[in-house]
């Protein structure tokens, strides 16, 4: 089960996360989790380029390790990158030290590709309070800060029980300042291929600005 639009009460209860960026410029924020993927991520970059749209890619360290050139292409095309951990661990089911080490391994992989990320999205959106404290303590020791981001709109591109049209219909529920989560992985490809071009055109017609998350 998942919420298409994150309820207000969830955002209040878990205020340690960044959920959205309300603004007066009619901006929304596309994000893609789990990449980079050797075919899907370049296709996404091509679609975004057609509409001069920017996005944020939360990348897995294990995939960044395999495809460093795609990470560079994301950055060279003016998009943003965040850490999604190395191996997509579920924080609720993972020892705190193992979780921190997985985060640091993902961080190191991005740093080796000349990108020192200050953003993190926990896999599945699942992370313990103790793990959040560990991450923030690490950054404080580095005299820096980290943003832990979730999302406000999950259209369900990964959901095999809905149609591609339903996924697109969910995307059309977008509101000003929303952070949308999509995925550049094979499980989501069928819905993504159908929805992303249509949604980019929809945003153009509605004069919605698609921006990356800027720190």
C-alpha atoms as a PDB file:
ATOM      1  CA  UNK A   1       0.000   0.000   0.000  1.00  0.00           C
ATOM      2  CA  UNK A   2       1.155   3.537  -0.720  1.00  0.00           C
ATOM      3  CA  UNK A   3      -0.290   7.038  -0.743  1.00  0.00           C
ATOM      4  CA  UNK A   4      -0.471   8.748  -4.126  1.00  0.00           C
ATOM      5  CA  UNK A   5      -0.444  12.087  -2.307  1.00  0.00           C
ATOM      6  CA  UNK A   6       1.296  12.083   1.077  1.00  0.00           C
ATOM      7  CA  UNK A   7      -1.268  13.092   3.735  1.00  0.00           C
ATOM      8  CA  UNK A   8      -0.642  16.270   5.716  1.00  0.00           C
ATOM      9  CA  UNK A   9      -0.594  14.354   8.998  1.00  0.00           C
ATOM     10  CA  UNK A  10       2.277  12.143   7.770  1.00  0.00           C
ATOM     11  CA  UNK A  11       4.318  15.219   6.850  1.00  0.00           C
ATOM     12  CA  UNK A  12       3.670  16.699  10.319  1.00  0.00           C
ATOM     13  CA  UNK A  13       4.528  13.484  12.156  1.00  0.00           C
ATOM     14  CA  UNK A  14       7.765  13.046  10.203  1.00  0.00           C
ATOM     15  CA  UNK A  15       8.873  16.644   9.977  1.00  0.00           C
ATOM     16  CA  UNK A  16      12.550  15.621   9.959  1.00  0.00           C
ATOM     17  CA  UNK A  17      12.098  14.868   6.242  1.00  0.00           C
ATOM     18  CA  UNK A  18      11.799  17.379   3.430  1.00  0.00           C
ATOM     19  CA  UNK A  19       8.511  16.574   1.686  1.00  0.00           C
ATOM     20  CA  UNK A  20       7.946  19.479  -0.684  1.00  0.00           C
ATOM     21  CA  UNK A  21       9.028  22.984  -1.655  1.00  0.00           C
ATOM     22  CA  UNK A  22       6.015  25.349  -1.765  1.00  0.00           C
ATOM     23  CA  UNK A  23       6.764  28.330  -3.996  1.00  0.00           C
ATOM     24  CA  UNK A  24       5.197  31.203  -5.899  1.00  0.00           C
ATOM     25  CA  UNK A  25       6.721  30.249  -9.259  1.00  0.00           C
ATOM     26  CA  UNK A  26       4.521  27.255 -10.153  1.00  0.00           C
ATOM     27  CA  UNK A  27       7.461  24.873  -9.748  1.00  0.00           C
ATOM     28  CA  UNK A  28       7.360  21.146  -9.123  1.00  0.00           C
ATOM     29  CA  UNK A  29      10.246  18.737  -8.656  1.00  0.00           C
ATOM     30  CA  UNK A  30      10.675  15.509 -10.598  1.00  0.00           C
ATOM     31  CA  UNK A  31      12.888  12.916  -8.925  1.00  0.00           C
ATOM     32  CA  UNK A  32      14.035   9.510 -10.130  1.00  0.00           C
ATOM     33  CA  UNK A  33      15.151   6.713  -7.793  1.00  0.00           C
ATOM     34  CA  UNK A  34      17.307   3.601  -8.192  1.00  0.00           C
ATOM     35  CA  UNK A  35      19.438   4.448 -11.244  1.00  0.00           C
ATOM     36  CA  UNK A  36      21.469   5.009 -13.136  1.00  0.00           C
ATOM     37  CA  UNK A  37      20.265   2.440 -15.669  1.00  0.00           C
ATOM     38  CA  UNK A  38      22.227   2.018 -18.919  1.00  0.00           C
ATOM     39  CA  UNK A  39      19.204   2.477 -21.220  1.00  0.00           C
ATOM     40  CA  UNK A  40      16.421   4.019 -19.154  1.00  0.00           C
ATOM     41  CA  UNK A  41      18.364   6.904 -17.594  1.00  0.00           C
ATOM     42  CA  UNK A  42      19.724   8.203 -20.956  1.00  0.00           C
ATOM     43  CA  UNK A  43      16.175   7.984 -22.349  1.00  0.00           C
ATOM     44  CA  UNK A  44      14.904  10.076 -19.418  1.00  0.00           C
ATOM     45  CA  UNK A  45      17.631  12.647 -20.037  1.00  0.00           C
ATOM     46  CA  UNK A  46      16.589  12.847 -23.677  1.00  0.00           C
ATOM     47  CA  UNK A  47      12.924  13.406 -22.757  1.00  0.00           C
ATOM     48  CA  UNK A  48      13.799  16.077 -20.201  1.00  0.00           C
ATOM     49  CA  UNK A  49      16.023  17.865 -22.709  1.00  0.00           C
ATOM     50  CA  UNK A  50      13.148  18.191 -25.188  1.00  0.00           C
ATOM     51  CA  UNK A  51      11.238  20.289 -22.661  1.00  0.00           C
ATOM     52  CA  UNK A  52      14.162  22.049 -20.996  1.00  0.00           C
ATOM     53  CA  UNK A  53      13.049  20.335 -17.771  1.00  0.00           C
ATOM     54  CA  UNK A  54      15.361  19.659 -14.849  1.00  0.00           C
ATOM     55  CA  UNK A  55      15.190  16.793 -12.378  1.00  0.00           C
ATOM     56  CA  UNK A  56      16.951  15.201  -9.422  1.00  0.00           C
ATOM     57  CA  UNK A  57      18.269  11.636  -9.590  1.00  0.00           C
ATOM     58  CA  UNK A  58      18.680   9.680  -6.349  1.00  0.00           C
ATOM     59  CA  UNK A  59      21.276   7.144  -7.403  1.00  0.00           C
ATOM     60  CA  UNK A  60      22.286   3.823  -5.914  1.00  0.00           C
ATOM     61  CA  UNK A  61      26.009   3.523  -5.282  1.00  0.00           C
ATOM     62  CA  UNK A  62      26.160   0.058  -6.827  1.00  0.00           C
ATOM     63  CA  UNK A  63      24.726   1.424 -10.076  1.00  0.00           C
ATOM     64  CA  UNK A  64      26.889   4.545 -10.009  1.00  0.00           C
ATOM     65  CA  UNK A  65      29.866   2.215  -9.693  1.00  0.00           C
ATOM     66  CA  UNK A  66      28.816   0.378 -12.874  1.00  0.00           C
ATOM     67  CA  UNK A  67      27.855   3.452 -14.912  1.00  0.00           C
ATOM     68  CA  UNK A  68      29.922   6.465 -13.820  1.00  0.00           C
ATOM     69  CA  UNK A  69      29.617   8.067 -17.281  1.00  0.00           C
ATOM     70  CA  UNK A  70      25.841   8.269 -16.878  1.00  0.00           C
ATOM     71  CA  UNK A  71      26.294  10.072 -13.560  1.00  0.00           C
ATOM     72  CA  UNK A  72      28.528  12.565 -15.360  1.00  0.00           C
ATOM     73  CA  UNK A  73      25.932  12.933 -18.134  1.00  0.00           C
ATOM     74  CA  UNK A  74      23.210  13.689 -15.565  1.00  0.00           C
ATOM     75  CA  UNK A  75      25.342  16.447 -14.071  1.00  0.00           C
ATOM     76  CA  UNK A  76      26.527  17.770 -17.439  1.00  0.00           C
ATOM     77  CA  UNK A  77      22.892  18.150 -18.491  1.00  0.00           C
ATOM     78  CA  UNK A  78      22.251  20.449 -15.541  1.00  0.00           C
ATOM     79  CA  UNK A  79      20.391  18.017 -13.282  1.00  0.00           C
ATOM     80  CA  UNK A  80      20.965  17.239  -9.603  1.00  0.00           C
ATOM     81  CA  UNK A  81      22.107  14.002  -7.949  1.00  0.00           C
ATOM     82  CA  UNK A  82      21.376  12.656  -4.491  1.00  0.00           C
ATOM     83  CA  UNK A  83      22.499   9.582  -2.575  1.00  0.00           C
ATOM     84  CA  UNK A  84      20.061   6.645  -2.402  1.00  0.00           C
ATOM     85  CA  UNK A  85      22.443   4.431  -0.462  1.00  0.00           C
ATOM     86  CA  UNK A  86      24.670   1.777  -1.998  1.00  0.00           C
ATOM     87  CA  UNK A  87      22.488  -1.332  -1.985  1.00  0.00           C
ATOM     88  CA  UNK A  88      18.873  -0.136  -1.453  1.00  0.00           C
ATOM     89  CA  UNK A  89      18.604  -1.245   2.172  1.00  0.00           C
ATOM     90  CA  UNK A  90      15.349  -1.078   4.093  1.00  0.00           C
ATOM     91  CA  UNK A  91      16.264   0.976   7.170  1.00  0.00           C
ATOM     92  CA  UNK A  92      13.520  -0.582   9.276  1.00  0.00           C
ATOM     93  CA  UNK A  93      15.098  -4.006   8.761  1.00  0.00           C
ATOM     94  CA  UNK A  94      18.760  -2.994   8.972  1.00  0.00           C
ATOM     95  CA  UNK A  95      21.193  -2.581  11.861  1.00  0.00           C
ATOM     96  CA  UNK A  96      22.073   1.078  12.437  1.00  0.00           C
ATOM     97  CA  UNK A  97      25.799   0.695  11.836  1.00  0.00           C
ATOM     98  CA  UNK A  98      25.252  -1.367   8.675  1.00  0.00           C
ATOM     99  CA  UNK A  99      22.836   1.301   7.446  1.00  0.00           C
ATOM    100  CA  UNK A 100      25.346   4.103   8.042  1.00  0.00           C
ATOM    101  CA  UNK A 101      28.091   2.154   6.283  1.00  0.00           C
ATOM    102  CA  UNK A 102      25.821   1.543   3.281  1.00  0.00           C
ATOM    103  CA  UNK A 103      25.030   5.274   3.145  1.00  0.00           C
ATOM    104  CA  UNK A 104      28.736   6.166   3.351  1.00  0.00           C
ATOM    105  CA  UNK A 105      29.611   3.649   0.638  1.00  0.00           C
ATOM    106  CA  UNK A 106      27.002   5.216  -1.657  1.00  0.00           C
ATOM    107  CA  UNK A 107      28.331   8.660  -0.766  1.00  0.00           C
ATOM    108  CA  UNK A 108      31.878   7.614  -1.565  1.00  0.00           C
ATOM    109  CA  UNK A 109      30.899   6.217  -4.957  1.00  0.00           C
ATOM    110  CA  UNK A 110      29.333   9.548  -5.936  1.00  0.00           C
ATOM    111  CA  UNK A 111      32.315  11.449  -4.584  1.00  0.00           C
ATOM    112  CA  UNK A 112      34.663   9.379  -6.741  1.00  0.00           C
ATOM    113  CA  UNK A 113      32.667  10.624  -9.745  1.00  0.00           C
ATOM    114  CA  UNK A 114      33.314  14.166  -8.540  1.00  0.00           C
ATOM    115  CA  UNK A 115      29.952  14.767  -6.928  1.00  0.00           C
ATOM    116  CA  UNK A 116      29.752  15.322  -3.167  1.00  0.00           C
ATOM    117  CA  UNK A 117      26.026  14.991  -2.494  1.00  0.00           C
ATOM    118  CA  UNK A 118      24.282  16.760   0.369  1.00  0.00           C
ATOM    119  CA  UNK A 119      20.958  15.021  -0.265  1.00  0.00           C
ATOM    120  CA  UNK A 120      19.797  11.559   0.730  1.00  0.00           C
ATOM    121  CA  UNK A 121      16.618   9.621   0.061  1.00  0.00           C
ATOM    122  CA  UNK A 122      16.162   6.441   2.093  1.00  0.00           C
ATOM    123  CA  UNK A 123      15.147   3.391   0.087  1.00  0.00           C
ATOM    124  CA  UNK A 124      11.374   2.796   0.392  1.00  0.00           C
ATOM    125  CA  UNK A 125      11.284   6.013   2.449  1.00  0.00           C
ATOM    126  CA  UNK A 126      12.050   3.791   5.472  1.00  0.00           C
ATOM    127  CA  UNK A 127      14.621   4.940   7.986  1.00  0.00           C
ATOM    128  CA  UNK A 128      14.767   4.819  11.812  1.00  0.00           C
ATOM    129  CA  UNK A 129      15.164   7.931  13.964  1.00  0.00           C
ATOM    130  CA  UNK A 130      18.448   6.533  15.260  1.00  0.00           C
ATOM    131  CA  UNK A 131      19.701   6.187  11.681  1.00  0.00           C
ATOM    132  CA  UNK A 132      18.716   9.774  10.912  1.00  0.00           C
ATOM    133  CA  UNK A 133      20.702  10.879  13.981  1.00  0.00           C
ATOM    134  CA  UNK A 134      23.739   8.902  12.811  1.00  0.00           C
ATOM    135  CA  UNK A 135      23.619  10.474   9.359  1.00  0.00           C
ATOM    136  CA  UNK A 136      23.221  13.997  10.688  1.00  0.00           C
ATOM    137  CA  UNK A 137      25.990  13.489  13.251  1.00  0.00           C
ATOM    138  CA  UNK A 138      28.322  12.375  10.496  1.00  0.00           C
ATOM    139  CA  UNK A 139      27.663  15.548   8.529  1.00  0.00           C
ATOM    140  CA  UNK A 140      27.988  17.758  11.596  1.00  0.00           C
ATOM    141  CA  UNK A 141      31.415  16.218  12.164  1.00  0.00           C
ATOM    142  CA  UNK A 142      32.230  17.258   8.600  1.00  0.00           C
ATOM    143  CA  UNK A 143      30.949  20.783   9.390  1.00  0.00           C
ATOM    144  CA  UNK A 144      28.185  20.304   6.849  1.00  0.00           C
ATOM    145  CA  UNK A 145      24.477  19.453   6.657  1.00  0.00           C
ATOM    146  CA  UNK A 146      22.346  16.925   4.807  1.00  0.00           C
ATOM    147  CA  UNK A 147      18.773  17.053   3.548  1.00  0.00           C
ATOM    148  CA  UNK A 148      16.752  13.844   3.891  1.00  0.00           C
ATOM    149  CA  UNK A 149      14.057  13.967   1.235  1.00  0.00           C
ATOM    150  CA  UNK A 150      10.909  11.968   0.682  1.00  0.00           C
ATOM    151  CA  UNK A 151       8.085  12.979  -1.646  1.00  0.00           C
ATOM    152  CA  UNK A 152       4.527  14.260  -1.818  1.00  0.00           C
ATOM    153  CA  UNK A 153       3.384  12.530  -5.037  1.00  0.00           C
ATOM    154  CA  UNK A 154       3.935   8.863  -5.829  1.00  0.00           C
ATOM    155  CA  UNK A 155       2.086   7.993  -9.052  1.00  0.00           C
ATOM    156  CA  UNK A 156       2.971   4.289  -8.812  1.00  0.00           C
ATOM    157  CA  UNK A 157       5.165   3.707 -11.858  1.00  0.00           C
ATOM    158  CA  UNK A 158       6.474   0.599 -10.057  1.00  0.00           C
ATOM    159  CA  UNK A 159       2.946  -0.765  -9.460  1.00  0.00           C
ATOM    160  CA  UNK A 160       2.161  -3.696 -11.759  1.00  0.00           C
ATOM    161  CA  UNK A 161      -1.451  -3.743 -10.548  1.00  0.00           C
ATOM    162  CA  UNK A 162      -2.382  -0.419 -12.142  1.00  0.00           C
ATOM    163  CA  UNK A 163      -2.487   0.598 -15.792  1.00  0.00           C
ATOM    164  CA  UNK A 164      -0.131   3.095 -17.391  1.00  0.00           C
ATOM    165  CA  UNK A 165      -3.118   5.397 -17.882  1.00  0.00           C
ATOM    166  CA  UNK A 166      -3.858   5.239 -14.151  1.00  0.00           C
ATOM    167  CA  UNK A 167      -0.238   6.128 -13.419  1.00  0.00           C
ATOM    168  CA  UNK A 168      -0.530   9.132 -15.728  1.00  0.00           C
ATOM    169  CA  UNK A 169      -3.819  10.128 -14.105  1.00  0.00           C
ATOM    170  CA  UNK A 170      -2.047  10.070 -10.734  1.00  0.00           C
ATOM    171  CA  UNK A 171       0.673  12.346 -12.104  1.00  0.00           C
ATOM    172  CA  UNK A 172      -1.963  14.876 -13.121  1.00  0.00           C
ATOM    173  CA  UNK A 173      -2.841  15.303  -9.434  1.00  0.00           C
ATOM    174  CA  UNK A 174       0.373  17.277  -8.998  1.00  0.00           C
ATOM    175  CA  UNK A 175       0.275  20.462  -6.907  1.00  0.00           C
ATOM    176  CA  UNK A 176       2.587  23.447  -6.645  1.00  0.00           C
ATOM    177  CA  UNK A 177       5.801  22.543  -4.814  1.00  0.00           C
ATOM    178  CA  UNK A 178       5.285  18.778  -5.001  1.00  0.00           C
ATOM    179  CA  UNK A 179       8.236  16.417  -5.085  1.00  0.00           C
ATOM    180  CA  UNK A 180       7.316  13.582  -7.465  1.00  0.00           C
ATOM    181  CA  UNK A 181       9.014  10.199  -7.155  1.00  0.00           C
ATOM    182  CA  UNK A 182       9.522   8.090 -10.280  1.00  0.00           C
ATOM    183  CA  UNK A 183      12.043   5.321 -10.939  1.00  0.00           C
ATOM    184  CA  UNK A 184      14.682   4.650 -13.577  1.00  0.00           C
ATOM    185  CA  UNK A 185      14.569   0.891 -13.223  1.00  0.00           C
ATOM    186  CA  UNK A 186      13.226  -1.982 -15.290  1.00  0.00           C
ATOM    187  CA  UNK A 187      10.236  -2.674 -13.050  1.00  0.00           C
ATOM    188  CA  UNK A 188       8.894   0.831 -13.706  1.00  0.00           C
ATOM    189  CA  UNK A 189       9.835   1.068 -17.385  1.00  0.00           C
ATOM    190  CA  UNK A 190       6.443   0.161 -18.897  1.00  0.00           C
ATOM    191  CA  UNK A 191       4.572   2.899 -17.022  1.00  0.00           C
ATOM    192  CA  UNK A 192       7.416   5.412 -17.243  1.00  0.00           C
ATOM    193  CA  UNK A 193       7.739   5.105 -21.007  1.00  0.00           C
ATOM    194  CA  UNK A 194       4.033   5.840 -21.357  1.00  0.00           C
ATOM    195  CA  UNK A 195       3.717   8.563 -18.724  1.00  0.00           C
ATOM    196  CA  UNK A 196       6.833  10.707 -18.811  1.00  0.00           C
ATOM    197  CA  UNK A 197       6.476  12.208 -22.333  1.00  0.00           C
ATOM    198  CA  UNK A 198       2.779  12.859 -21.745  1.00  0.00           C
ATOM    199  CA  UNK A 199       3.445  14.451 -18.368  1.00  0.00           C
ATOM    200  CA  UNK A 200       6.178  16.698 -19.729  1.00  0.00           C
ATOM    201  CA  UNK A 201       3.772  17.911 -22.404  1.00  0.00           C
ATOM    202  CA  UNK A 202       1.053  18.394 -19.764  1.00  0.00           C
ATOM    203  CA  UNK A 203       3.397  20.576 -17.685  1.00  0.00           C
ATOM    204  CA  UNK A 204       4.284  22.624 -20.756  1.00  0.00           C
ATOM    205  CA  UNK A 205       0.597  23.265 -21.472  1.00  0.00           C
ATOM    206  CA  UNK A 206      -0.091  24.202 -17.843  1.00  0.00           C
ATOM    207  CA  UNK A 207       3.036  26.407 -17.689  1.00  0.00           C
ATOM    208  CA  UNK A 208       4.419  24.346 -14.818  1.00  0.00           C
ATOM    209  CA  UNK A 209       8.188  24.637 -14.280  1.00  0.00           C
ATOM    210  CA  UNK A 210      10.007  21.368 -13.702  1.00  0.00           C
ATOM    211  CA  UNK A 211      13.096  22.099 -11.637  1.00  0.00           C
ATOM    212  CA  UNK A 212      15.862  20.216  -9.877  1.00  0.00           C
ATOM    213  CA  UNK A 213      16.240  20.448  -6.119  1.00  0.00           C
ATOM    214  CA  UNK A 214      18.781  23.163  -5.426  1.00  0.00           C
ATOM    215  CA  UNK A 215      20.689  23.302  -2.152  1.00  0.00           C
END
